[in-house]
C-alpha atoms as a PDB file:
ATOM      1  CA  MET A   1      96.173 119.107  52.200  1.00  0.00           C
ATOM      2  CA  ALA A   2      99.799 119.054  50.916  1.00  0.00           C
ATOM      3  CA  PHE A   3      98.882 120.767  47.570  1.00  0.00           C
ATOM      4  CA  HIS A   4      97.236 123.519  49.537  1.00  0.00           C
ATOM      5  CA  GLN A   5      99.886 123.832  51.971  1.00  0.00           C
ATOM      6  CA  ALA A   6     102.454 124.360  49.033  1.00  0.00           C
ATOM      7  CA  TRP A   7     100.228 126.621  47.183  1.00  0.00           C
ATOM      8  CA  LEU A   8      99.818 128.809  50.298  1.00  0.00           C
ATOM      9  CA  GLN A   9     103.655 128.867  50.917  1.00  0.00           C
ATOM     10  CA  ILE A  10     103.858 130.423  47.402  1.00  0.00           C
ATOM     11  CA  GLU A  11     100.813 132.558  47.248  1.00  0.00           C
ATOM     12  CA  ALA A  12     100.305 133.530  50.933  1.00  0.00           C
ATOM     13  CA  SER A  13     103.112 132.646  53.207  1.00  0.00           C
ATOM     14  CA  ALA A  14     101.437 134.490  56.140  1.00  0.00           C
ATOM     15  CA  VAL A  15      98.650 131.852  55.982  1.00  0.00           C
ATOM     16  CA  ALA A  16     100.833 128.964  55.510  1.00  0.00           C
ATOM     17  CA  GLY A  17     101.900 128.511  59.163  1.00  0.00           C
ATOM     18  CA  PRO A  18      98.330 128.765  60.604  1.00  0.00           C
ATOM     19  CA  TYR A  19      97.198 126.068  57.940  1.00  0.00           C
ATOM     20  CA  ALA A  20      99.967 123.813  58.765  1.00  0.00           C
ATOM     21  CA  THR A  21      99.130 124.002  62.254  1.00  0.00           C
ATOM     22  CA  LEU A  22      95.372 123.395  61.596  1.00  0.00           C
ATOM     23  CA  VAL A  23      96.215 120.227  59.426  1.00  0.00           C
ATOM     24  CA  ALA A  24      98.549 118.896  62.131  1.00  0.00           C
ATOM     25  CA  THR A  25      96.200 119.567  64.937  1.00  0.00           C
ATOM     26  CA  ALA A  26      93.339 117.894  62.923  1.00  0.00           C
ATOM     27  CA  ARG A  27      95.570 114.938  62.176  1.00  0.00           C
ATOM     28  CA  ALA A  28      96.610 114.535  65.703  1.00  0.00           C
ATOM     29  CA  GLU A  29      93.217 114.533  67.004  1.00  0.00           C
ATOM     30  CA  ALA A  30      91.743 112.148  64.474  1.00  0.00           C
ATOM     31  CA  GLY A  31      94.686 109.739  64.746  1.00  0.00           C
ATOM     32  CA  ALA A  32      94.147 109.441  68.690  1.00  0.00           C
ATOM     33  CA  GLN A  33      90.284 109.158  68.057  1.00  0.00           C
ATOM     34  CA  MET A  34      90.912 106.372  65.250  1.00  0.00           C
ATOM     35  CA  SER A  35      93.429 104.504  67.591  1.00  0.00           C
ATOM     36  CA  LEU A  36      90.740 104.515  70.330  1.00  0.00           C
ATOM     37  CA  ALA A  37      88.249 103.343  67.782  1.00  0.00           C
ATOM     38  CA  TRP A  38      90.224 100.285  66.831  1.00  0.00           C
ATOM     39  CA  ASP A  39      90.634  99.397  70.574  1.00  0.00           C
ATOM     40  CA  GLN A  40      86.699  99.026  70.799  1.00  0.00           C
ATOM     41  CA  PRO A  41      85.099  95.586  70.351  1.00  0.00           C
ATOM     42  CA  PRO A  42      83.751  94.964  66.879  1.00  0.00           C
ATOM     43  CA  ILE A  43      80.165  96.156  66.273  1.00  0.00           C
ATOM     44  CA  THR A  44      77.619  93.402  65.695  1.00  0.00           C
ATOM     45  CA  THR A  45      74.361  95.505  65.144  1.00  0.00           C
ATOM     46  CA  ASP A  46      73.476  98.229  62.728  1.00  0.00           C
ATOM     47  CA  SER A  47      72.662 100.479  65.694  1.00  0.00           C
ATOM     48  CA  GLY A  48      76.147 100.042  67.055  1.00  0.00           C
ATOM     49  CA  MET A  49      77.277 102.221  63.982  1.00  0.00           C
ATOM     50  CA  ASN A  50      75.905 105.257  65.597  1.00  0.00           C
ATOM     51  CA  LEU A  51      78.623 107.382  67.458  1.00  0.00           C
ATOM     52  CA  GLY A  52      76.330 108.520  70.255  1.00  0.00           C
ATOM     53  CA  VAL A  53      78.742 111.021  71.600  1.00  0.00           C
ATOM     54  CA  PRO A  54      80.746 112.990  69.230  1.00  0.00           C
ATOM     55  CA  TYR A  55      84.573 113.071  69.622  1.00  0.00           C
ATOM     56  CA  GLY A  56      86.093 116.223  70.693  1.00  0.00           C
ATOM     57  CA  ARG A  57      87.541 118.762  68.468  1.00  0.00           C
ATOM     58  CA  ASP A  58      88.472 121.625  70.806  1.00  0.00           C
ATOM     59  CA  GLN A  59      92.112 121.905  69.390  1.00  0.00           C
ATOM     60  CA  SER A  60      91.225 121.529  65.703  1.00  0.00           C
ATOM     61  CA  ASN A  61      88.377 124.090  66.000  1.00  0.00           C
ATOM     62  CA  ALA A  62      90.612 126.386  67.750  1.00  0.00           C
ATOM     63  CA  ALA A  63      93.324 125.981  64.996  1.00  0.00           C
ATOM     64  CA  ARG A  64      90.587 126.500  62.412  1.00  0.00           C
ATOM     65  CA  ALA A  65      89.387 129.680  63.922  1.00  0.00           C
ATOM     66  CA  THR A  66      92.953 131.057  64.112  1.00  0.00           C
ATOM     67  CA  CYS A  67      93.693 129.974  60.386  1.00  0.00           C
ATOM     68  CA  ILE A  68      90.503 131.695  59.189  1.00  0.00           C
ATOM     69  CA  GLU A  69      91.192 134.744  61.068  1.00  0.00           C
ATOM     70  CA  VAL A  70      94.636 134.994  59.343  1.00  0.00           C
ATOM     71  CA  MET A  71      93.052 134.035  56.063  1.00  0.00           C
ATOM     72  CA  ARG A  72      90.619 137.103  56.414  1.00  0.00           C
ATOM     73  CA  ARG A  73      93.233 139.488  57.412  1.00  0.00           C
ATOM     74  CA  HIS A  74      95.263 138.406  54.495  1.00  0.00           C
ATOM     75  CA  LEU A  75      92.523 138.822  51.876  1.00  0.00           C
ATOM     76  CA  LEU A  76      91.728 142.214  53.412  1.00  0.00           C
ATOM     77  CA  GLY A  77      95.320 143.271  53.189  1.00  0.00           C
ATOM     78  CA  HIS A  78      96.026 143.637  56.722  1.00  0.00           C
ATOM     79  CA  PRO A  79      99.111 142.254  58.491  1.00  0.00           C
END
């Protein structure tokens, strides 16, 4: 991700900010979810490996949608 961030800074600076926001948002959501998972009791059965209910990704999904929109505009030459 750091490589792509640096590359965007050079090649498409208008996209670099939204991409950085996407990365930071996804890391924040995943980090919180990983911390929560570590606080759970150890899994003792194979069926316990199933997540059941997916973790929320509302913020990273929104950041991804914004990043993709900025990337599309950049590729089409629109500011």
